[in-house]
PDB file of N, CA and C in Angstrom:
ATOM      1  N   MET A   1      30.335 -93.346 157.353  1.00  0.00           N
ATOM      2  CA  MET A   1      31.618 -92.959 157.408  1.00  0.00           C
ATOM      3  C   MET A   1      32.142 -92.149 156.363  1.00  0.00           C
ATOM      4  N   THR A   2      32.419 -90.942 156.407  1.00  0.00           N
ATOM      5  CA  THR A   2      32.960 -90.089 155.296  1.00  0.00           C
ATOM      6  C   THR A   2      34.408 -90.127 155.201  1.00  0.00           C
ATOM      7  N   LYS A   3      34.951 -90.367 153.965  1.00  0.00           N
ATOM      8  CA  LYS A   3      36.449 -90.240 153.788  1.00  0.00           C
ATOM      9  C   LYS A   3      36.606 -88.808 153.434  1.00  0.00           C
ATOM     10  N   VAL A   4      37.825 -88.284 153.995  1.00  0.00           N
ATOM     11  CA  VAL A   4      38.342 -87.034 153.461  1.00  0.00           C
ATOM     12  C   VAL A   4      39.286 -87.338 152.405  1.00  0.00           C
ATOM     13  N   ILE A   5      39.098 -86.896 151.244  1.00  0.00           N
ATOM     14  CA  ILE A   5      40.048 -87.101 149.769  1.00  0.00           C
ATOM     15  C   ILE A   5      40.743 -86.135 149.513  1.00  0.00           C
ATOM     16  N   LEU A   6      41.888 -86.140 149.132  1.00  0.00           N
ATOM     17  CA  LEU A   6      42.583 -85.149 148.486  1.00  0.00           C
ATOM     18  C   LEU A   6      41.969 -84.846 147.212  1.00  0.00           C
ATOM     19  N   PRO A   7      41.637 -83.611 146.941  1.00  0.00           N
ATOM     20  CA  PRO A   7      40.948 -83.166 145.791  1.00  0.00           C
ATOM     21  C   PRO A   7      41.918 -82.836 144.758  1.00  0.00           C
ATOM     22  N   GLU A   8      41.510 -82.593 143.435  1.00  0.00           N
ATOM     23  CA  GLU A   8      42.312 -82.091 142.229  1.00  0.00           C
ATOM     24  C   GLU A   8      42.818 -80.690 142.927  1.00  0.00           C
ATOM     25  N   LEU A   9      44.171 -80.416 142.563  1.00  0.00           N
ATOM     26  CA  LEU A   9      44.836 -79.314 143.057  1.00  0.00           C
ATOM     27  C   LEU A   9      44.971 -78.279 142.002  1.00  0.00           C
ATOM     28  N   GLY A  10      45.183 -78.656 140.862  1.00  0.00           N
ATOM     29  CA  GLY A  10      45.723 -77.894 139.678  1.00  0.00           C
ATOM     30  C   GLY A  10      46.497 -78.582 138.698  1.00  0.00           C
ATOM     31  N   GLU A  11      46.790 -78.022 137.635  1.00  0.00           N
ATOM     32  CA  GLU A  11      47.340 -78.565 136.540  1.00  0.00           C
ATOM     33  C   GLU A  11      48.743 -78.825 136.865  1.00  0.00           C
ATOM     34  N   GLY A  12      49.257 -79.972 136.907  1.00  0.00           N
ATOM     35  CA  GLY A  12      50.551 -80.377 137.151  1.00  0.00           C
ATOM     36  C   GLY A  12      51.027 -80.612 138.476  1.00  0.00           C
ATOM     37  N   ILE A  13      49.920 -80.606 139.468  1.00  0.00           N
ATOM     38  CA  ILE A  13      50.054 -81.114 140.708  1.00  0.00           C
ATOM     39  C   ILE A  13      49.296 -82.372 140.919  1.00  0.00           C
ATOM     40  N   ASP A  14      50.032 -83.210 141.407  1.00  0.00           N
ATOM     41  CA  ASP A  14      49.457 -84.792 141.583  1.00  0.00           C
ATOM     42  C   ASP A  14      49.627 -85.194 143.143  1.00  0.00           C
ATOM     43  N   LYS A  15      50.320 -84.391 144.053  1.00  0.00           N
ATOM     44  CA  LYS A  15      50.513 -84.718 145.338  1.00  0.00           C
ATOM     45  C   LYS A  15      50.699 -83.659 146.192  1.00  0.00           C
ATOM     46  N   ALA A  16      50.594 -83.837 147.518  1.00  0.00           N
ATOM     47  CA  ALA A  16      50.738 -82.873 148.582  1.00  0.00           C
ATOM     48  C   ALA A  16      51.398 -83.829 149.594  1.00  0.00           C
ATOM     49  N   ILE A  17      52.030 -82.893 150.562  1.00  0.00           N
ATOM     50  CA  ILE A  17      52.452 -83.376 151.926  1.00  0.00           C
ATOM     51  C   ILE A  17      51.690 -82.955 153.085  1.00  0.00           C
ATOM     52  N   VAL A  18      51.499 -83.717 153.867  1.00  0.00           N
ATOM     53  CA  VAL A  18      50.582 -83.479 155.069  1.00  0.00           C
ATOM     54  C   VAL A  18      51.542 -82.737 155.989  1.00  0.00           C
ATOM     55  N   SER A  19      51.211 -81.422 156.303  1.00  0.00           N
ATOM     56  CA  SER A  19      51.957 -80.589 157.086  1.00  0.00           C
ATOM     57  C   SER A  19      51.575 -80.467 158.484  1.00  0.00           C
ATOM     58  N   TYR A  20      50.092 -80.429 158.730  1.00  0.00           N
ATOM     59  CA  TYR A  20      49.652 -80.249 160.211  1.00  0.00           C
ATOM     60  C   TYR A  20      48.245 -80.727 160.346  1.00  0.00           C
ATOM     61  N   TRP A  21      47.863 -81.446 161.268  1.00  0.00           N
ATOM     62  CA  TRP A  21      46.360 -81.713 161.680  1.00  0.00           C
ATOM     63  C   TRP A  21      46.170 -80.773 162.726  1.00  0.00           C
ATOM     64  N   TYR A  22      44.854 -80.175 162.247  1.00  0.00           N
ATOM     65  CA  TYR A  22      44.354 -79.257 163.415  1.00  0.00           C
ATOM     66  C   TYR A  22      43.547 -79.944 164.388  1.00  0.00           C
ATOM     67  N   HIS A  23      43.219 -81.237 164.185  1.00  0.00           N
ATOM     68  CA  HIS A  23      42.588 -82.069 165.188  1.00  0.00           C
ATOM     69  C   HIS A  23      43.227 -83.360 165.230  1.00  0.00           C
ATOM     70  N   LYS A  24      42.830 -83.889 166.394  1.00  0.00           N
ATOM     71  CA  LYS A  24      43.356 -85.577 166.582  1.00  0.00           C
ATOM     72  C   LYS A  24      42.196 -86.346 166.543  1.00  0.00           C
ATOM     73  N   GLU A  25      42.631 -87.737 166.546  1.00  0.00           N
ATOM     74  CA  GLU A  25      41.436 -88.696 166.437  1.00  0.00           C
ATOM     75  C   GLU A  25      40.651 -88.529 167.634  1.00  0.00           C
ATOM     76  N   GLY A  26      39.532 -88.717 167.498  1.00  0.00           N
ATOM     77  CA  GLY A  26      38.308 -88.614 168.481  1.00  0.00           C
ATOM     78  C   GLY A  26      37.624 -87.095 168.888  1.00  0.00           C
ATOM     79  N   ASP A  27      38.491 -86.196 167.981  1.00  0.00           N
ATOM     80  CA  ASP A  27      37.879 -84.876 168.126  1.00  0.00           C
ATOM     81  C   ASP A  27      36.644 -84.705 167.340  1.00  0.00           C
ATOM     82  N   LYS A  28      35.627 -83.770 167.702  1.00  0.00           N
ATOM     83  CA  LYS A  28      34.548 -83.399 166.702  1.00  0.00           C
ATOM     84  C   LYS A  28      35.055 -82.203 165.866  1.00  0.00           C
ATOM     85  N   VAL A  29      34.498 -82.439 164.624  1.00  0.00           N
ATOM     86  CA  VAL A  29      34.854 -81.560 163.710  1.00  0.00           C
ATOM     87  C   VAL A  29      33.619 -80.979 163.047  1.00  0.00           C
ATOM     88  N   LYS A  30      33.632 -79.570 162.612  1.00  0.00           N
ATOM     89  CA  LYS A  30      32.662 -78.870 162.045  1.00  0.00           C
ATOM     90  C   LYS A  30      32.917 -79.042 160.432  1.00  0.00           C
ATOM     91  N   GLU A  31      31.732 -79.023 159.709  1.00  0.00           N
ATOM     92  CA  GLU A  31      31.904 -78.963 158.238  1.00  0.00           C
ATOM     93  C   GLU A  31      32.339 -77.615 157.746  1.00  0.00           C
ATOM     94  N   LYS A  32      33.454 -77.513 156.942  1.00  0.00           N
ATOM     95  CA  LYS A  32      34.223 -76.450 156.204  1.00  0.00           C
ATOM     96  C   LYS A  32      35.051 -75.771 157.484  1.00  0.00           C
ATOM     97  N   GLU A  33      35.236 -76.347 158.637  1.00  0.00           N
ATOM     98  CA  GLU A  33      36.320 -75.895 159.476  1.00  0.00           C
ATOM     99  C   GLU A  33      37.684 -76.560 158.855  1.00  0.00           C
ATOM    100  N   ASP A  34      38.861 -75.923 159.130  1.00  0.00           N
ATOM    101  CA  ASP A  34      40.080 -76.342 158.708  1.00  0.00           C
ATOM    102  C   ASP A  34      40.380 -77.625 159.505  1.00  0.00           C
ATOM    103  N   LEU A  35      40.520 -78.475 158.564  1.00  0.00           N
ATOM    104  CA  LEU A  35      41.144 -80.080 159.124  1.00  0.00           C
ATOM    105  C   LEU A  35      42.493 -80.402 159.164  1.00  0.00           C
ATOM    106  N   VAL A  36      43.117 -80.042 157.990  1.00  0.00           N
ATOM    107  CA  VAL A  36      44.511 -80.467 157.649  1.00  0.00           C
ATOM    108  C   VAL A  36      45.239 -79.535 156.700  1.00  0.00           C
ATOM    109  N   GLU A  37      46.467 -79.067 157.048  1.00  0.00           N
ATOM    110  CA  GLU A  37      47.342 -78.176 156.340  1.00  0.00           C
ATOM    111  C   GLU A  37      48.024 -79.090 155.525  1.00  0.00           C
ATOM    112  N   LEU A  38      48.249 -78.690 153.993  1.00  0.00           N
ATOM    113  CA  LEU A  38      48.901 -79.616 153.102  1.00  0.00           C
ATOM    114  C   LEU A  38      49.998 -78.495 152.197  1.00  0.00           C
ATOM    115  N   THR A  39      50.882 -79.183 151.816  1.00  0.00           N
ATOM    116  CA  THR A  39      51.936 -78.412 151.083  1.00  0.00           C
ATOM    117  C   THR A  39      52.202 -79.184 149.742  1.00  0.00           C
ATOM    118  N   THR A  40      52.141 -78.298 148.543  1.00  0.00           N
ATOM    119  CA  THR A  40      52.675 -78.705 147.320  1.00  0.00           C
ATOM    120  C   THR A  40      54.056 -78.022 147.035  1.00  0.00           C
ATOM    121  N   ASP A  41      54.414 -78.326 145.734  1.00  0.00           N
ATOM    122  CA  ASP A  41      55.534 -77.412 145.377  1.00  0.00           C
ATOM    123  C   ASP A  41      55.288 -75.985 145.113  1.00  0.00           C
ATOM    124  N   LYS A  42      54.052 -75.701 144.826  1.00  0.00           N
ATOM    125  CA  LYS A  42      53.671 -74.291 144.772  1.00  0.00           C
ATOM    126  C   LYS A  42      52.911 -73.424 145.803  1.00  0.00           C
ATOM    127  N   ALA A  43      52.337 -74.203 146.834  1.00  0.00           N
ATOM    128  CA  ALA A  43      51.563 -73.540 147.778  1.00  0.00           C
ATOM    129  C   ALA A  43      51.192 -74.335 149.195  1.00  0.00           C
ATOM    130  N   THR A  44      50.953 -73.807 150.231  1.00  0.00           N
ATOM    131  CA  THR A  44      50.309 -74.214 151.244  1.00  0.00           C
ATOM    132  C   THR A  44      49.060 -73.882 151.441  1.00  0.00           C
ATOM    133  N   PHE A  45      48.265 -75.060 151.732  1.00  0.00           N
ATOM    134  CA  PHE A  45      46.659 -74.653 151.807  1.00  0.00           C
ATOM    135  C   PHE A  45      46.033 -75.493 152.760  1.00  0.00           C
ATOM    136  N   ASN A  46      44.870 -75.081 153.208  1.00  0.00           N
ATOM    137  CA  ASN A  46      44.230 -75.817 154.361  1.00  0.00           C
ATOM    138  C   ASN A  46      42.972 -76.667 153.613  1.00  0.00           C
ATOM    139  N   LEU A  47      42.868 -77.778 153.785  1.00  0.00           N
ATOM    140  CA  LEU A  47      41.668 -78.568 153.380  1.00  0.00           C
ATOM    141  C   LEU A  47      40.467 -78.680 154.507  1.00  0.00           C
ATOM    142  N   PRO A  48      39.452 -78.298 154.354  1.00  0.00           N
ATOM    143  CA  PRO A  48      38.121 -78.118 155.109  1.00  0.00           C
ATOM    144  C   PRO A  48      37.665 -79.399 155.635  1.00  0.00           C
ATOM    145  N   SER A  49      37.070 -79.684 156.585  1.00  0.00           N
ATOM    146  CA  SER A  49      36.118 -80.920 156.646  1.00  0.00           C
ATOM    147  C   SER A  49      35.000 -80.951 155.830  1.00  0.00           C
ATOM    148  N   PRO A  50      34.654 -82.013 155.317  1.00  0.00           N
ATOM    149  CA  PRO A  50      33.610 -82.089 154.494  1.00  0.00           C
ATOM    150  C   PRO A  50      32.228 -82.298 154.962  1.00  0.00           C
ATOM    151  N   CYS A  51      32.321 -82.507 156.340  1.00  0.00           N
ATOM    152  CA  CYS A  51      30.961 -82.575 157.046  1.00  0.00           C
ATOM    153  C   CYS A  51      31.279 -82.443 158.517  1.00  0.00           C
ATOM    154  N   ASN A  52      30.186 -82.394 159.433  1.00  0.00           N
ATOM    155  CA  ASN A  52      30.149 -82.639 160.904  1.00  0.00           C
ATOM    156  C   ASN A  52      30.349 -83.995 161.237  1.00  0.00           C
ATOM    157  N   GLY A  53      31.079 -84.164 162.439  1.00  0.00           N
ATOM    158  CA  GLY A  53      31.185 -85.584 162.771  1.00  0.00           C
ATOM    159  C   GLY A  53      32.413 -85.624 163.802  1.00  0.00           C
ATOM    160  N   VAL A  54      32.968 -86.837 163.985  1.00  0.00           N
ATOM    161  CA  VAL A  54      34.007 -87.214 164.794  1.00  0.00           C
ATOM    162  C   VAL A  54      35.171 -87.739 163.945  1.00  0.00           C
ATOM    163  N   LEU A  55      36.357 -87.088 163.960  1.00  0.00           N
ATOM    164  CA  LEU A  55      37.571 -87.589 163.345  1.00  0.00           C
ATOM    165  C   LEU A  55      38.064 -88.936 163.962  1.00  0.00           C
ATOM    166  N   VAL A  56      37.639 -90.041 163.364  1.00  0.00           N
ATOM    167  CA  VAL A  56      37.799 -91.271 163.826  1.00  0.00           C
ATOM    168  C   VAL A  56      39.159 -92.115 163.320  1.00  0.00           C
ATOM    169  N   ASN A  57      39.699 -91.546 162.139  1.00  0.00           N
ATOM    170  CA  ASN A  57      40.962 -92.253 161.618  1.00  0.00           C
ATOM    171  C   ASN A  57      41.612 -91.325 160.924  1.00  0.00           C
ATOM    172  N   ILE A  58      42.998 -90.995 161.365  1.00  0.00           N
ATOM    173  CA  ILE A  58      43.740 -90.329 160.440  1.00  0.00           C
ATOM    174  C   ILE A  58      44.763 -91.284 159.722  1.00  0.00           C
ATOM    175  N   LEU A  59      44.371 -91.327 158.312  1.00  0.00           N
ATOM    176  CA  LEU A  59      45.086 -92.205 157.673  1.00  0.00           C
ATOM    177  C   LEU A  59      46.690 -91.760 156.994  1.00  0.00           C
ATOM    178  N   CYS A  60      46.803 -90.660 157.072  1.00  0.00           N
ATOM    179  CA  CYS A  60      48.113 -90.065 156.679  1.00  0.00           C
ATOM    180  C   CYS A  60      48.573 -89.288 157.700  1.00  0.00           C
ATOM    181  N   PRO A  61      49.698 -89.523 158.255  1.00  0.00           N
ATOM    182  CA  PRO A  61      50.289 -88.720 159.357  1.00  0.00           C
ATOM    183  C   PRO A  61      50.906 -87.488 158.871  1.00  0.00           C
ATOM    184  N   GLU A  62      51.452 -86.483 159.622  1.00  0.00           N
ATOM    185  CA  GLU A  62      52.233 -85.320 159.251  1.00  0.00           C
ATOM    186  C   GLU A  62      53.506 -85.857 158.619  1.00  0.00           C
ATOM    187  N   GLY A  63      53.752 -85.305 157.561  1.00  0.00           N
ATOM    188  CA  GLY A  63      54.935 -85.517 156.903  1.00  0.00           C
ATOM    189  C   GLY A  63      54.891 -86.482 155.707  1.00  0.00           C
ATOM    190  N   GLN A  64      53.730 -87.283 155.720  1.00  0.00           N
ATOM    191  CA  GLN A  64      53.558 -88.244 154.641  1.00  0.00           C
ATOM    192  C   GLN A  64      53.038 -87.458 153.118  1.00  0.00           C
ATOM    193  N   THR A  65      53.450 -88.017 152.156  1.00  0.00           N
ATOM    194  CA  THR A  65      53.062 -87.706 150.968  1.00  0.00           C
ATOM    195  C   THR A  65      51.687 -88.490 150.487  1.00  0.00           C
ATOM    196  N   VAL A  66      50.738 -87.681 150.092  1.00  0.00           N
ATOM    197  CA  VAL A  66      49.524 -88.191 149.673  1.00  0.00           C
ATOM    198  C   VAL A  66      49.110 -87.721 148.229  1.00  0.00           C
ATOM    199  N   HIS A  67      48.598 -88.627 147.326  1.00  0.00           N
ATOM    200  CA  HIS A  67      48.282 -88.220 145.961  1.00  0.00           C
ATOM    201  C   HIS A  67      46.829 -88.020 145.688  1.00  0.00           C
ATOM    202  N   ILE A  68      46.657 -87.228 144.774  1.00  0.00           N
ATOM    203  CA  ILE A  68      45.344 -86.823 144.388  1.00  0.00           C
ATOM    204  C   ILE A  68      44.476 -88.183 144.281  1.00  0.00           C
ATOM    205  N   GLY A  69      43.122 -88.100 144.864  1.00  0.00           N
ATOM    206  CA  GLY A  69      42.314 -88.952 145.173  1.00  0.00           C
ATOM    207  C   GLY A  69      42.381 -90.102 146.237  1.00  0.00           C
ATOM    208  N   GLU A  70      43.485 -89.748 147.101  1.00  0.00           N
ATOM    209  CA  GLU A  70      43.752 -90.791 148.212  1.00  0.00           C
ATOM    210  C   GLU A  70      43.100 -90.291 149.484  1.00  0.00           C
ATOM    211  N   ALA A  71      42.624 -91.106 150.332  1.00  0.00           N
ATOM    212  CA  ALA A  71      41.968 -90.602 151.593  1.00  0.00           C
ATOM    213  C   ALA A  71      42.927 -90.260 152.538  1.00  0.00           C
ATOM    214  N   LEU A  72      42.887 -89.223 153.278  1.00  0.00           N
ATOM    215  CA  LEU A  72      43.673 -88.595 154.417  1.00  0.00           C
ATOM    216  C   LEU A  72      43.146 -89.074 155.662  1.00  0.00           C
ATOM    217  N   ALA A  73      41.796 -89.185 155.747  1.00  0.00           N
ATOM    218  CA  ALA A  73      41.164 -89.567 157.039  1.00  0.00           C
ATOM    219  C   ALA A  73      39.757 -89.997 156.844  1.00  0.00           C
ATOM    220  N   GLU A  74      39.043 -90.223 157.881  1.00  0.00           N
ATOM    221  CA  GLU A  74      37.667 -90.718 157.813  1.00  0.00           C
ATOM    222  C   GLU A  74      36.985 -90.075 159.116  1.00  0.00           C
ATOM    223  N   ILE A  75      35.753 -89.609 158.833  1.00  0.00           N
ATOM    224  CA  ILE A  75      34.841 -88.949 159.801  1.00  0.00           C
ATOM    225  C   ILE A  75      33.653 -89.686 160.021  1.00  0.00           C
ATOM    226  N   ASP A  76      33.185 -90.051 161.313  1.00  0.00           N
ATOM    227  CA  ASP A  76      31.901 -90.487 161.691  1.00  0.00           C
ATOM    228  C   ASP A  76      30.969 -89.433 161.847  1.00  0.00           C
ATOM    229  N   GLU A  77      29.942 -89.257 160.906  1.00  0.00           N
ATOM    230  CA  GLU A  77      28.874 -88.312 160.871  1.00  0.00           C
ATOM    231  C   GLU A  77      27.830 -88.441 161.962  1.00  0.00           C
ATOM    232  N   ASN A  78      28.002 -89.949 162.398  1.00  0.00           N
ATOM    233  CA  ASN A  78      27.036 -90.177 163.497  1.00  0.00           C
ATOM    234  C   ASN A  78      27.576 -89.963 164.982  1.00  0.00           C
ATOM    235  N   GLY A  79      28.805 -89.600 164.995  1.00  0.00           N
ATOM    236  CA  GLY A  79      29.494 -89.476 166.205  1.00  0.00           C
ATOM    237  C   GLY A  79      29.429 -88.353 167.179  1.00  0.00           C
TER     238      GLY A  79
END
């Protein structure tokens, strides 16, 4: 199981808001494909999938604030 983690975003930015999930739980995803849209005070950006697999668990729903290092979702690489 691979966790999708919110990476370092830049100096002074320690959190982001989940704007939109491009996939729902149970969907197959491909590595580097847009997975989720996030918004900070300074920008809106897409976080790509770190691997191929099935999105099995969305841990942070749309509208939720997530901090650097927190898991956003889990992907089953064997799915």
